[in-house]
Every structure is written in structure tokens, then in C-alpha cells.
Amino acid sequence: MRIVVGNLKGGVAKTTTAVYLALGLARTGRVLLVDADGTNASAVDWSANAEDWPATVVVVPWAVPDLGRRVAAVAGDYDHIVIDTGPERGDLLRQALMVTDDLLVPVAPSRGAVNERRTK
């Protein structure tokens, strides 16, 4: 599985979703978790501070313009790829979408978000 966890809005649980998804996928193979949030590398911090982080989940901090090229270069070494994108970085989201199959968009459960969606 190759999946991007993305939303251009901050604070909607993108990293939490990406980390738990990567940890779940680790039960079925080797996982590359790409932390593409240059403002807050939470996935890297999470993996560094977890006492029981599995060796089958490799985390790399790649909030870089050539994100797609880097992921494509190592994709064959992993069974699964999860990319955690940061807020307000459409360029990185586009790069991530070029090398993945699916997009998971976490949203904050608020009435404002629901009403905003209805008006578009």
C-alpha cells in the first residue's frame, strides 16, 4: 500500500493518523513512513521517543521539493509507504500524490468544517 495522509489545514490529526496507519501496516511488512511536514516533524519525534518503535517502520524527514523522486528511488525496498504531509504545502502534497495510490484526508470533527464543505 502507498498512501498519503494529507490536508492543507493544520491540526486535523494527519501525523497521528499516519503513525497509527504505519504501525498497523508493519504487521504485514516493512514500512517507510515519510515525515514531509517541515514545520513540525512530529512523526520523526514520535519514532525517536517511543520505547517500543518497531524496526520494520523506517521514518525519514523529507519535507523537500524532490519528495517524489526520493520516495520513488527507495520504494522497492518497502512493502508499504505512508507519507505524512504538513499543512499549507500544496507542493509537497502534489509530490506525494505522484508516488502513491491513495489519499486519506483527516478532518477535524467540527460543525464549521461540515458547513464549509456543504457550501463548496
Protein backbone atom coordinates (compact mmCIF):
# COMPACT_ATOMS: atom_id res chain seq x y z
CA MET A 1 0.00 0.00 0.00
CA ARG A 2 1.17 3.51 -0.83
CA ILE A 3 -0.84 6.22 0.85
CA VAL A 4 -0.64 9.95 1.55
CA VAL A 5 -2.18 11.38 4.69
CA GLY A 6 -2.83 14.97 3.73
CA ASN A 7 -4.88 18.06 4.32
CA LEU A 8 -3.73 21.62 3.75
CA LYS A 9 -5.23 22.57 7.09
CA GLY A 10 -3.24 22.09 10.27
CA GLY A 11 -4.37 20.39 13.46
CA VAL A 12 -6.57 17.70 11.92
CA ALA A 13 -4.58 14.65 13.13
CA LYS A 14 -2.59 13.95 9.97
CA THR A 15 0.50 12.77 11.83
CA THR A 16 -1.43 10.71 14.37
CA THR A 17 -3.29 9.04 11.51
CA ALA A 18 -0.09 8.42 9.53
CA VAL A 19 1.75 6.96 12.53
CA TYR A 20 -1.03 4.59 13.51
CA LEU A 21 -1.51 3.56 9.89
CA ALA A 22 2.22 2.84 9.51
CA LEU A 23 2.29 0.86 12.76
CA GLY A 24 -0.72 -1.18 11.67
CA LEU A 25 0.82 -1.90 8.27
CA ALA A 26 4.04 -3.03 9.99
CA ARG A 27 2.17 -6.20 10.90
CA THR A 28 2.23 -7.17 7.21
CA GLY A 29 5.64 -5.93 6.06
CA ARG A 30 8.32 -3.29 6.05
CA VAL A 31 7.03 0.31 6.11
CA LEU A 32 8.54 3.63 5.06
CA LEU A 33 6.92 6.50 6.97
CA VAL A 34 7.86 9.80 5.33
CA ASP A 35 7.55 12.86 7.55
CA ALA A 36 7.00 15.59 4.96
CA ASP A 37 5.97 18.24 7.49
CA GLY A 38 8.86 20.68 7.54
CA THR A 39 7.35 22.87 10.24
CA ASN A 40 6.70 20.19 12.82
CA ALA A 41 8.47 16.85 12.31
CA SER A 42 6.16 15.04 14.72
CA ALA A 43 6.44 11.60 13.13
CA VAL A 44 10.22 11.70 13.50
CA ASP A 45 9.88 12.82 17.13
CA TRP A 46 7.30 10.13 17.79
CA SER A 47 9.53 7.36 16.48
CA ALA A 48 12.60 8.68 18.30
CA ASN A 49 10.81 8.85 21.65
CA ALA A 50 8.80 5.62 21.51
CA GLU A 51 10.35 2.89 23.61
CA ASP A 52 8.87 0.10 21.51
CA TRP A 53 9.03 1.54 17.98
CA PRO A 54 9.19 -1.44 15.57
CA ALA A 55 12.33 -1.87 13.49
CA THR A 56 10.11 -2.60 10.47
CA VAL A 57 8.92 1.04 10.37
CA VAL A 58 11.59 3.38 9.00
CA VAL A 59 10.91 7.10 9.40
CA VAL A 60 12.60 9.72 7.23
CA PRO A 61 12.20 13.53 7.37
CA TRP A 62 11.73 14.51 3.73
CA ALA A 63 9.95 17.86 3.50
CA VAL A 64 11.85 18.55 0.30
CA PRO A 65 10.90 19.72 -3.21
CA ASP A 66 12.07 16.43 -4.77
CA LEU A 67 9.98 14.30 -2.39
CA GLY A 68 8.50 12.22 -5.21
CA ARG A 69 11.91 11.38 -6.65
CA ARG A 70 13.29 10.35 -3.26
CA VAL A 71 10.35 8.11 -2.46
CA ALA A 72 10.41 6.53 -5.93
CA ALA A 73 14.13 5.77 -5.53
CA VAL A 74 13.58 3.66 -2.38
CA ALA A 75 10.03 2.38 -2.90
CA GLY A 76 11.18 -1.08 -3.94
CA ASP A 77 12.75 -1.63 -0.52
CA TYR A 78 9.40 -1.40 1.30
CA ASP A 79 6.11 -3.25 1.33
CA HIS A 80 4.20 -0.10 2.31
CA ILE A 81 4.74 3.65 2.12
CA VAL A 82 2.91 6.21 4.24
CA ILE A 83 3.57 9.90 3.63
CA ASP A 84 2.55 12.43 6.28
CA THR A 85 2.29 15.88 4.68
CA GLY A 86 2.22 19.16 6.53
CA PRO A 87 -0.28 21.98 6.34
CA GLU A 88 -0.19 24.72 3.71
CA ARG A 89 2.31 22.88 1.48
CA GLY A 90 0.44 22.05 -1.70
CA ASP A 91 3.74 21.46 -3.50
CA LEU A 92 4.67 18.60 -1.16
CA LEU A 93 1.16 17.16 -1.30
CA ARG A 94 1.38 17.09 -5.11
CA GLN A 95 4.80 15.41 -4.96
CA ALA A 96 3.46 12.78 -2.56
CA LEU A 97 0.42 12.09 -4.73
CA MET A 98 2.68 11.34 -7.71
CA VAL A 99 4.21 8.32 -5.96
CA THR A 100 1.24 6.92 -4.04
CA ASP A 101 -2.03 5.19 -4.82
CA ASP A 102 -4.39 6.70 -2.27
CA LEU A 103 -5.08 9.90 -0.34
CA LEU A 104 -6.52 9.86 3.17
CA VAL A 105 -7.84 13.27 4.27
CA PRO A 106 -8.35 13.61 8.02
CA VAL A 107 -10.70 16.42 9.03
CA ALA A 108 -11.46 17.95 12.39
CA PRO A 109 -14.93 16.93 13.59
CA SER A 110 -16.45 20.38 13.86
CA ARG A 111 -19.67 21.95 12.72
CA GLY A 112 -17.64 24.62 10.92
CA ALA A 113 -15.83 22.04 8.81
CA VAL A 114 -19.12 20.35 7.92
CA ASN A 115 -20.78 23.65 6.97
CA GLU A 116 -17.73 24.75 4.98
CA ARG A 117 -17.86 21.52 2.96
CA ARG A 118 -21.55 21.98 2.18
CA THR A 119 -21.04 25.45 0.72
CA LYS A 120 -18.39 24.37 -1.78
